[in-house]
Amino acid sequence: GTGYIYEIDQNNHIMPHEKAREPYYKKLVYRIGAD
């Protein structure tokens, strides 16, 4: 329902409102995926 829980991704891009509504965390500082 509310999308991503961070406001800024690991590349310093601000998440658009349609992807992240009222995120709790300011910044995703690190990411590594299953792939």
ModelCIF file with pLDDT and N, C-alpha, C, O atoms, coordinates in Angstrom:
data_MODEL
#
_entry.id   MODEL 
#
_entity.id                         1 
_entity.type                       polymer 
_entity.pdbx_number_of_molecules   1 
#
_entity_poly.entity_id                      1 
_entity_poly.type                           'polypeptide(L)' 
_entity_poly.nstd_linkage                   no 
_entity_poly.nstd_monomer                   no 
_entity_poly.pdbx_seq_one_letter_code       GTGYIYEIDQNNHIMPHEKAREPYYKKLVYRIGAD 
_entity_poly.pdbx_seq_one_letter_code_can   GTGYIYEIDQNNHIMPHEKAREPYYKKLVYRIGAD 
_entity_poly.pdbx_strand_id                 A 
#
loop_
_entity_poly_seq.entity_id 
_entity_poly_seq.num 
_entity_poly_seq.mon_id 
_entity_poly_seq.hetero 
1 1  GLY n 
1 2  THR n 
1 3  GLY n 
1 4  TYR n 
1 5  ILE n 
1 6  TYR n 
1 7  GLU n 
1 8  ILE n 
1 9  ASP n 
1 10 GLN n 
1 11 ASN n 
1 12 ASN n 
1 13 HIS n 
1 14 ILE n 
1 15 MET n 
1 16 PRO n 
1 17 HIS n 
1 18 GLU n 
1 19 LYS n 
1 20 ALA n 
1 21 ARG n 
1 22 GLU n 
1 23 PRO n 
1 24 TYR n 
1 25 TYR n 
1 26 LYS n 
1 27 LYS n 
1 28 LEU n 
1 29 VAL n 
1 30 TYR n 
1 31 ARG n 
1 32 ILE n 
1 33 GLY n 
1 34 ALA n 
1 35 ASP n 
#
_struct_asym.id          A 
_struct_asym.entity_id   1 
#
loop_
_ma_qa_metric.id 
_ma_qa_metric.mode 
_ma_qa_metric.name 
_ma_qa_metric.software_group_id 
_ma_qa_metric.type 
1 global pLDDT . pLDDT 
2 local  pLDDT . pLDDT 
#
_ma_qa_metric_global.metric_id      1 
_ma_qa_metric_global.metric_value   91.83 
_ma_qa_metric_global.model_id       1 
_ma_qa_metric_global.ordinal_id     1 
#
loop_
_ma_qa_metric_local.label_asym_id 
_ma_qa_metric_local.label_comp_id 
_ma_qa_metric_local.label_seq_id 
_ma_qa_metric_local.metric_id 
_ma_qa_metric_local.metric_value 
_ma_qa_metric_local.model_id 
_ma_qa_metric_local.ordinal_id 
A GLY 1  2 78.00 1 1  
A THR 2  2 85.00 1 2  
A GLY 3  2 88.00 1 3  
A TYR 4  2 92.00 1 4  
A ILE 5  2 94.00 1 5  
A TYR 6  2 95.00 1 6  
A GLU 7  2 95.00 1 7  
A ILE 8  2 94.00 1 8  
A ASP 9  2 93.00 1 9  
A GLN 10 2 92.00 1 10 
A ASN 11 2 92.00 1 11 
A ASN 12 2 93.00 1 12 
A HIS 13 2 94.00 1 13 
A ILE 14 2 94.00 1 14 
A MET 15 2 91.00 1 15 
A PRO 16 2 88.00 1 16 
A HIS 17 2 85.00 1 17 
A GLU 18 2 84.00 1 18 
A LYS 19 2 87.00 1 19 
A ALA 20 2 89.00 1 20 
A ARG 21 2 87.00 1 21 
A GLU 22 2 88.00 1 22 
A PRO 23 2 92.00 1 23 
A TYR 24 2 93.00 1 24 
A TYR 25 2 96.00 1 25 
A LYS 26 2 95.00 1 26 
A LYS 27 2 96.00 1 27 
A LEU 28 2 97.00 1 28 
A VAL 29 2 97.00 1 29 
A TYR 30 2 97.00 1 30 
A ARG 31 2 96.00 1 31 
A ILE 32 2 96.00 1 32 
A GLY 33 2 94.00 1 33 
A ALA 34 2 94.00 1 34 
A ASP 35 2 93.00 1 35 
#
loop_
_atom_site.group_PDB 
_atom_site.id 
_atom_site.type_symbol 
_atom_site.label_atom_id 
_atom_site.label_alt_id 
_atom_site.label_comp_id 
_atom_site.label_asym_id 
_atom_site.label_entity_id 
_atom_site.label_seq_id 
_atom_site.pdbx_PDB_ins_code 
_atom_site.Cartn_x 
_atom_site.Cartn_y 
_atom_site.Cartn_z 
_atom_site.occupancy 
_atom_site.B_iso_or_equiv 
_atom_site.pdbx_formal_charge 
_atom_site.auth_seq_id 
_atom_site.auth_comp_id 
_atom_site.auth_asym_id 
_atom_site.auth_atom_id 
_atom_site.pdbx_PDB_model_num 
ATOM 1   N N  . GLY A 1 1  ? 0.790  -1.229  0.000  1.00 78.00 ? 1  GLY A N  1 
ATOM 2   C CA . GLY A 1 1  ? 0.000  0.000   0.000  1.00 78.00 ? 1  GLY A CA 1 
ATOM 3   C C  . GLY A 1 1  ? 0.816  1.270   0.000  1.00 78.00 ? 1  GLY A C  1 
ATOM 4   O O  . GLY A 1 1  ? 0.477  2.214   -0.713 1.00 78.00 ? 1  GLY A O  1 
ATOM 5   N N  . THR A 1 2  ? 1.906  1.326   0.795  1.00 85.00 ? 2  THR A N  1 
ATOM 6   C CA . THR A 1 2  ? 2.667  2.566   0.905  1.00 85.00 ? 2  THR A CA 1 
ATOM 7   C C  . THR A 1 2  ? 3.971  2.538   0.121  1.00 85.00 ? 2  THR A C  1 
ATOM 8   O O  . THR A 1 2  ? 4.650  3.562   0.040  1.00 85.00 ? 2  THR A O  1 
ATOM 9   N N  . GLY A 1 3  ? 4.339  1.413   -0.453 1.00 88.00 ? 3  GLY A N  1 
ATOM 10  C CA . GLY A 1 3  ? 5.519  1.343   -1.300 1.00 88.00 ? 3  GLY A CA 1 
ATOM 11  C C  . GLY A 1 3  ? 6.816  1.279   -0.521 1.00 88.00 ? 3  GLY A C  1 
ATOM 12  O O  . GLY A 1 3  ? 6.860  0.729   0.580  1.00 88.00 ? 3  GLY A O  1 
ATOM 13  N N  . TYR A 1 4  ? 7.877  1.842   -1.092 1.00 92.00 ? 4  TYR A N  1 
ATOM 14  C CA . TYR A 1 4  ? 9.209  1.781   -0.479 1.00 92.00 ? 4  TYR A CA 1 
ATOM 15  C C  . TYR A 1 4  ? 9.234  2.550   0.837  1.00 92.00 ? 4  TYR A C  1 
ATOM 16  O O  . TYR A 1 4  ? 8.526  3.544   1.002  1.00 92.00 ? 4  TYR A O  1 
ATOM 17  N N  . ILE A 1 5  ? 10.061 2.077   1.776  1.00 94.00 ? 5  ILE A N  1 
ATOM 18  C CA . ILE A 1 5  ? 10.094 2.657   3.118  1.00 94.00 ? 5  ILE A CA 1 
ATOM 19  C C  . ILE A 1 5  ? 11.258 3.627   3.304  1.00 94.00 ? 5  ILE A C  1 
ATOM 20  O O  . ILE A 1 5  ? 11.542 4.040   4.428  1.00 94.00 ? 5  ILE A O  1 
ATOM 21  N N  . TYR A 1 6  ? 11.937 3.994   2.211  1.00 95.00 ? 6  TYR A N  1 
ATOM 22  C CA . TYR A 1 6  ? 13.018 4.972   2.300  1.00 95.00 ? 6  TYR A CA 1 
ATOM 23  C C  . TYR A 1 6  ? 12.768 6.118   1.328  1.00 95.00 ? 6  TYR A C  1 
ATOM 24  O O  . TYR A 1 6  ? 12.114 5.948   0.298  1.00 95.00 ? 6  TYR A O  1 
ATOM 25  N N  . GLU A 1 7  ? 13.300 7.288   1.675  1.00 95.00 ? 7  GLU A N  1 
ATOM 26  C CA . GLU A 1 7  ? 13.079 8.493   0.874  1.00 95.00 ? 7  GLU A CA 1 
ATOM 27  C C  . GLU A 1 7  ? 14.113 8.650   -0.242 1.00 95.00 ? 7  GLU A C  1 
ATOM 28  O O  . GLU A 1 7  ? 13.792 9.128   -1.330 1.00 95.00 ? 7  GLU A O  1 
ATOM 29  N N  . ILE A 1 8  ? 15.361 8.242   0.037  1.00 94.00 ? 8  ILE A N  1 
ATOM 30  C CA . ILE A 1 8  ? 16.467 8.404   -0.911 1.00 94.00 ? 8  ILE A CA 1 
ATOM 31  C C  . ILE A 1 8  ? 17.123 7.046   -1.128 1.00 94.00 ? 8  ILE A C  1 
ATOM 32  O O  . ILE A 1 8  ? 17.432 6.352   -0.160 1.00 94.00 ? 8  ILE A O  1 
ATOM 33  N N  . ASP A 1 9  ? 17.340 6.657   -2.380 1.00 93.00 ? 9  ASP A N  1 
ATOM 34  C CA . ASP A 1 9  ? 17.925 5.343   -2.640 1.00 93.00 ? 9  ASP A CA 1 
ATOM 35  C C  . ASP A 1 9  ? 19.448 5.376   -2.528 1.00 93.00 ? 9  ASP A C  1 
ATOM 36  O O  . ASP A 1 9  ? 20.035 6.415   -2.227 1.00 93.00 ? 9  ASP A O  1 
ATOM 37  N N  . GLN A 1 10 ? 20.082 4.226   -2.775 1.00 92.00 ? 10 GLN A N  1 
ATOM 38  C CA . GLN A 1 10 ? 21.526 4.110   -2.586 1.00 92.00 ? 10 GLN A CA 1 
ATOM 39  C C  . GLN A 1 10 ? 22.319 4.933   -3.592 1.00 92.00 ? 10 GLN A C  1 
ATOM 40  O O  . GLN A 1 10 ? 23.517 5.148   -3.409 1.00 92.00 ? 10 GLN A O  1 
ATOM 41  N N  . ASN A 1 11 ? 21.670 5.389   -4.639 1.00 92.00 ? 11 ASN A N  1 
ATOM 42  C CA . ASN A 1 11 ? 22.326 6.251   -5.644 1.00 92.00 ? 11 ASN A CA 1 
ATOM 43  C C  . ASN A 1 11 ? 21.983 7.723   -5.455 1.00 92.00 ? 11 ASN A C  1 
ATOM 44  O O  . ASN A 1 11 ? 22.220 8.550   -6.336 1.00 92.00 ? 11 ASN A O  1 
ATOM 45  N N  . ASN A 1 12 ? 21.414 8.039   -4.276 1.00 93.00 ? 12 ASN A N  1 
ATOM 46  C CA . ASN A 1 12 ? 21.050 9.421   -3.915 1.00 93.00 ? 12 ASN A CA 1 
ATOM 47  C C  . ASN A 1 12 ? 19.916 9.987   -4.763 1.00 93.00 ? 12 ASN A C  1 
ATOM 48  O O  . ASN A 1 12 ? 19.814 11.202  -4.928 1.00 93.00 ? 12 ASN A O  1 
ATOM 49  N N  . HIS A 1 13 ? 19.068 9.117   -5.299 1.00 94.00 ? 13 HIS A N  1 
ATOM 50  C CA . HIS A 1 13 ? 17.886 9.556   -6.033 1.00 94.00 ? 13 HIS A CA 1 
ATOM 51  C C  . HIS A 1 13 ? 16.694 9.608   -5.075 1.00 94.00 ? 13 HIS A C  1 
ATOM 52  O O  . HIS A 1 13 ? 16.472 8.675   -4.303 1.00 94.00 ? 13 HIS A O  1 
ATOM 53  N N  . ILE A 1 14 ? 15.942 10.684  -5.129 1.00 94.00 ? 14 ILE A N  1 
ATOM 54  C CA . ILE A 1 14 ? 14.743 10.808  -4.297 1.00 94.00 ? 14 ILE A CA 1 
ATOM 55  C C  . ILE A 1 14 ? 13.631 9.962   -4.895 1.00 94.00 ? 14 ILE A C  1 
ATOM 56  O O  . ILE A 1 14 ? 13.357 10.043  -6.093 1.00 94.00 ? 14 ILE A O  1 
ATOM 57  N N  . MET A 1 15 ? 12.993 9.155   -4.065 1.00 91.00 ? 15 MET A N  1 
ATOM 58  C CA . MET A 1 15 ? 11.922 8.274   -4.539 1.00 91.00 ? 15 MET A CA 1 
ATOM 59  C C  . MET A 1 15 ? 10.675 9.089   -4.856 1.00 91.00 ? 15 MET A C  1 
ATOM 60  O O  . MET A 1 15 ? 10.284 9.936   -4.054 1.00 91.00 ? 15 MET A O  1 
ATOM 61  N N  . PRO A 1 16 ? 10.038 8.856   -6.006 1.00 88.00 ? 16 PRO A N  1 
ATOM 62  C CA . PRO A 1 16 ? 8.796  9.571   -6.336 1.00 88.00 ? 16 PRO A CA 1 
ATOM 63  C C  . PRO A 1 16 ? 7.658  9.176   -5.403 1.00 88.00 ? 16 PRO A C  1 
ATOM 64  O O  . PRO A 1 16 ? 7.647  8.078   -4.847 1.00 88.00 ? 16 PRO A O  1 
ATOM 65  N N  . HIS A 1 17 ? 6.707  10.079  -5.241 1.00 85.00 ? 17 HIS A N  1 
ATOM 66  C CA . HIS A 1 17 ? 5.605  9.844   -4.302 1.00 85.00 ? 17 HIS A CA 1 
ATOM 67  C C  . HIS A 1 17 ? 4.799  8.593   -4.662 1.00 85.00 ? 17 HIS A C  1 
ATOM 68  O O  . HIS A 1 17 ? 4.291  7.908   -3.774 1.00 85.00 ? 17 HIS A O  1 
ATOM 69  N N  . GLU A 1 18 ? 4.680  8.296   -5.951 1.00 84.00 ? 18 GLU A N  1 
ATOM 70  C CA . GLU A 1 18 ? 3.901  7.117   -6.337 1.00 84.00 ? 18 GLU A CA 1 
ATOM 71  C C  . GLU A 1 18 ? 4.620  5.811   -6.025 1.00 84.00 ? 18 GLU A C  1 
ATOM 72  O O  . GLU A 1 18 ? 4.036  4.734   -6.154 1.00 84.00 ? 18 GLU A O  1 
ATOM 73  N N  . LYS A 1 19 ? 5.884  5.899   -5.616 1.00 87.00 ? 19 LYS A N  1 
ATOM 74  C CA . LYS A 1 19 ? 6.653  4.707   -5.234 1.00 87.00 ? 19 LYS A CA 1 
ATOM 75  C C  . LYS A 1 19 ? 6.886  4.615   -3.725 1.00 87.00 ? 19 LYS A C  1 
ATOM 76  O O  . LYS A 1 19 ? 7.100  3.527   -3.190 1.00 87.00 ? 19 LYS A O  1 
ATOM 77  N N  . ALA A 1 20 ? 6.843  5.752   -3.049 1.00 89.00 ? 20 ALA A N  1 
ATOM 78  C CA . ALA A 1 20 ? 7.139  5.772   -1.613 1.00 89.00 ? 20 ALA A CA 1 
ATOM 79  C C  . ALA A 1 20 ? 6.295  6.840   -0.936 1.00 89.00 ? 20 ALA A C  1 
ATOM 80  O O  . ALA A 1 20 ? 6.552  8.034   -1.090 1.00 89.00 ? 20 ALA A O  1 
ATOM 81  N N  . ARG A 1 21 ? 5.292  6.411   -0.190 1.00 87.00 ? 21 ARG A N  1 
ATOM 82  C CA . ARG A 1 21 ? 4.417  7.356   0.499  1.00 87.00 ? 21 ARG A CA 1 
ATOM 83  C C  . ARG A 1 21 ? 4.747  7.394   1.986  1.00 87.00 ? 21 ARG A C  1 
ATOM 84  O O  . ARG A 1 21 ? 4.606  6.393   2.689  1.00 87.00 ? 21 ARG A O  1 
ATOM 85  N N  . GLU A 1 22 ? 5.187  8.558   2.457  1.00 88.00 ? 22 GLU A N  1 
ATOM 86  C CA . GLU A 1 22 ? 5.552  8.786   3.854  1.00 88.00 ? 22 GLU A CA 1 
ATOM 87  C C  . GLU A 1 22 ? 6.544  7.737   4.353  1.00 88.00 ? 22 GLU A C  1 
ATOM 88  O O  . GLU A 1 22 ? 6.263  7.058   5.340  1.00 88.00 ? 22 GLU A O  1 
ATOM 89  N N  . PRO A 1 23 ? 7.703  7.586   3.694  1.00 92.00 ? 23 PRO A N  1 
ATOM 90  C CA . PRO A 1 23 ? 8.687  6.591   4.130  1.00 92.00 ? 23 PRO A CA 1 
ATOM 91  C C  . PRO A 1 23 ? 9.284  6.944   5.486  1.00 92.00 ? 23 PRO A C  1 
ATOM 92  O O  . PRO A 1 23 ? 9.480  8.119   5.795  1.00 92.00 ? 23 PRO A O  1 
ATOM 93  N N  . TYR A 1 24 ? 9.573  5.923   6.296  1.00 93.00 ? 24 TYR A N  1 
ATOM 94  C CA . TYR A 1 24 ? 10.108 6.160   7.637  1.00 93.00 ? 24 TYR A CA 1 
ATOM 95  C C  . TYR A 1 24 ? 11.611 6.417   7.617  1.00 93.00 ? 24 TYR A C  1 
ATOM 96  O O  . TYR A 1 24 ? 12.116 7.234   8.388  1.00 93.00 ? 24 TYR A O  1 
ATOM 97  N N  . TYR A 1 25 ? 12.323 5.721   6.735  1.00 96.00 ? 25 TYR A N  1 
ATOM 98  C CA . TYR A 1 25 ? 13.782 5.832   6.695  1.00 96.00 ? 25 TYR A CA 1 
ATOM 99  C C  . TYR A 1 25 ? 14.205 6.896   5.687  1.00 96.00 ? 25 TYR A C  1 
ATOM 100 O O  . TYR A 1 25 ? 13.635 7.009   4.602  1.00 96.00 ? 25 TYR A O  1 
ATOM 101 N N  . LYS A 1 26 ? 15.200 7.658   6.062  1.00 95.00 ? 26 LYS A N  1 
ATOM 102 C CA . LYS A 1 26 ? 15.662 8.747   5.196  1.00 95.00 ? 26 LYS A CA 1 
ATOM 103 C C  . LYS A 1 26 ? 16.397 8.224   3.977  1.00 95.00 ? 26 LYS A C  1 
ATOM 104 O O  . LYS A 1 26 ? 16.130 8.653   2.854  1.00 95.00 ? 26 LYS A O  1 
ATOM 105 N N  . LYS A 1 27 ? 17.333 7.286   4.195  1.00 96.00 ? 27 LYS A N  1 
ATOM 106 C CA . LYS A 1 27 ? 18.201 6.880   3.090  1.00 96.00 ? 27 LYS A CA 1 
ATOM 107 C C  . LYS A 1 27 ? 18.514 5.388   3.137  1.00 96.00 ? 27 LYS A C  1 
ATOM 108 O O  . LYS A 1 27 ? 18.778 4.820   4.197  1.00 96.00 ? 27 LYS A O  1 
ATOM 109 N N  . LEU A 1 28 ? 18.476 4.769   1.958  1.00 97.00 ? 28 LEU A N  1 
ATOM 110 C CA . LEU A 1 28 ? 18.979 3.408   1.778  1.00 97.00 ? 28 LEU A CA 1 
ATOM 111 C C  . LEU A 1 28 ? 20.481 3.525   1.536  1.00 97.00 ? 28 LEU A C  1 
ATOM 112 O O  . LEU A 1 28 ? 20.908 3.969   0.470  1.00 97.00 ? 28 LEU A O  1 
ATOM 113 N N  . VAL A 1 29 ? 21.275 3.132   2.514  1.00 97.00 ? 29 VAL A N  1 
ATOM 114 C CA . VAL A 1 29 ? 22.719 3.361   2.415  1.00 97.00 ? 29 VAL A CA 1 
ATOM 115 C C  . VAL A 1 29 ? 23.460 2.202   1.751  1.00 97.00 ? 29 VAL A C  1 
ATOM 116 O O  . VAL A 1 29 ? 24.592 2.364   1.297  1.00 97.00 ? 29 VAL A O  1 
ATOM 117 N N  . TYR A 1 30 ? 22.816 1.030   1.697  1.00 97.00 ? 30 TYR A N  1 
ATOM 118 C CA . TYR A 1 30 ? 23.478 -0.112  1.057  1.00 97.00 ? 30 TYR A CA 1 
ATOM 119 C C  . TYR A 1 30 ? 22.415 -1.110  0.597  1.00 97.00 ? 30 TYR A C  1 
ATOM 120 O O  . TYR A 1 30 ? 21.394 -1.305  1.257  1.00 97.00 ? 30 TYR A O  1 
ATOM 121 N N  . ARG A 1 31 ? 22.685 -1.745  -0.568 1.00 96.00 ? 31 ARG A N  1 
ATOM 122 C CA . ARG A 1 31 ? 21.767 -2.740  -1.101 1.00 96.00 ? 31 ARG A CA 1 
ATOM 123 C C  . ARG A 1 31 ? 22.531 -3.829  -1.837 1.00 96.00 ? 31 ARG A C  1 
ATOM 124 O O  . ARG A 1 31 ? 23.435 -3.548  -2.624 1.00 96.00 ? 31 ARG A O  1 
ATOM 125 N N  . ILE A 1 32 ? 22.155 -5.083  -1.572 1.00 96.00 ? 32 ILE A N  1 
ATOM 126 C CA . ILE A 1 32 ? 22.608 -6.201  -2.394 1.00 96.00 ? 32 ILE A CA 1 
ATOM 127 C C  . ILE A 1 32 ? 21.449 -7.181  -2.523 1.00 96.00 ? 32 ILE A C  1 
ATOM 128 O O  . ILE A 1 32 ? 20.888 -7.629  -1.523 1.00 96.00 ? 32 ILE A O  1 
ATOM 129 N N  . GLY A 1 33 ? 21.098 -7.510  -3.759 1.00 94.00 ? 33 GLY A N  1 
ATOM 130 C CA . GLY A 1 33 ? 19.923 -8.327  -4.029 1.00 94.00 ? 33 GLY A CA 1 
ATOM 131 C C  . GLY A 1 33 ? 20.238 -9.805  -4.147 1.00 94.00 ? 33 GLY A C  1 
ATOM 132 O O  . GLY A 1 33 ? 21.398 -10.212 -4.190 1.00 94.00 ? 33 GLY A O  1 
ATOM 133 N N  . ALA A 1 34 ? 19.165 -10.609 -4.199 1.00 94.00 ? 34 ALA A N  1 
ATOM 134 C CA . ALA A 1 34 ? 19.318 -12.057 -4.294 1.00 94.00 ? 34 ALA A CA 1 
ATOM 135 C C  . ALA A 1 34 ? 20.001 -12.471 -5.585 1.00 94.00 ? 34 ALA A C  1 
ATOM 136 O O  . ALA A 1 34 ? 20.779 -13.424 -5.604 1.00 94.00 ? 34 ALA A O  1 
ATOM 137 N N  . ASP A 1 35 ? 19.710 -11.753 -6.667 1.00 93.00 ? 35 ASP A N  1 
ATOM 138 C CA . ASP A 1 35 ? 20.333 -12.118 -7.945 1.00 93.00 ? 35 ASP A CA 1 
ATOM 139 C C  . ASP A 1 35 ? 21.848 -11.995 -7.876 1.00 93.00 ? 35 ASP A C  1 
ATOM 140 O O  . ASP A 1 35 ? 22.535 -12.263 -8.861 1.00 93.00 ? 35 ASP A O  1 
#
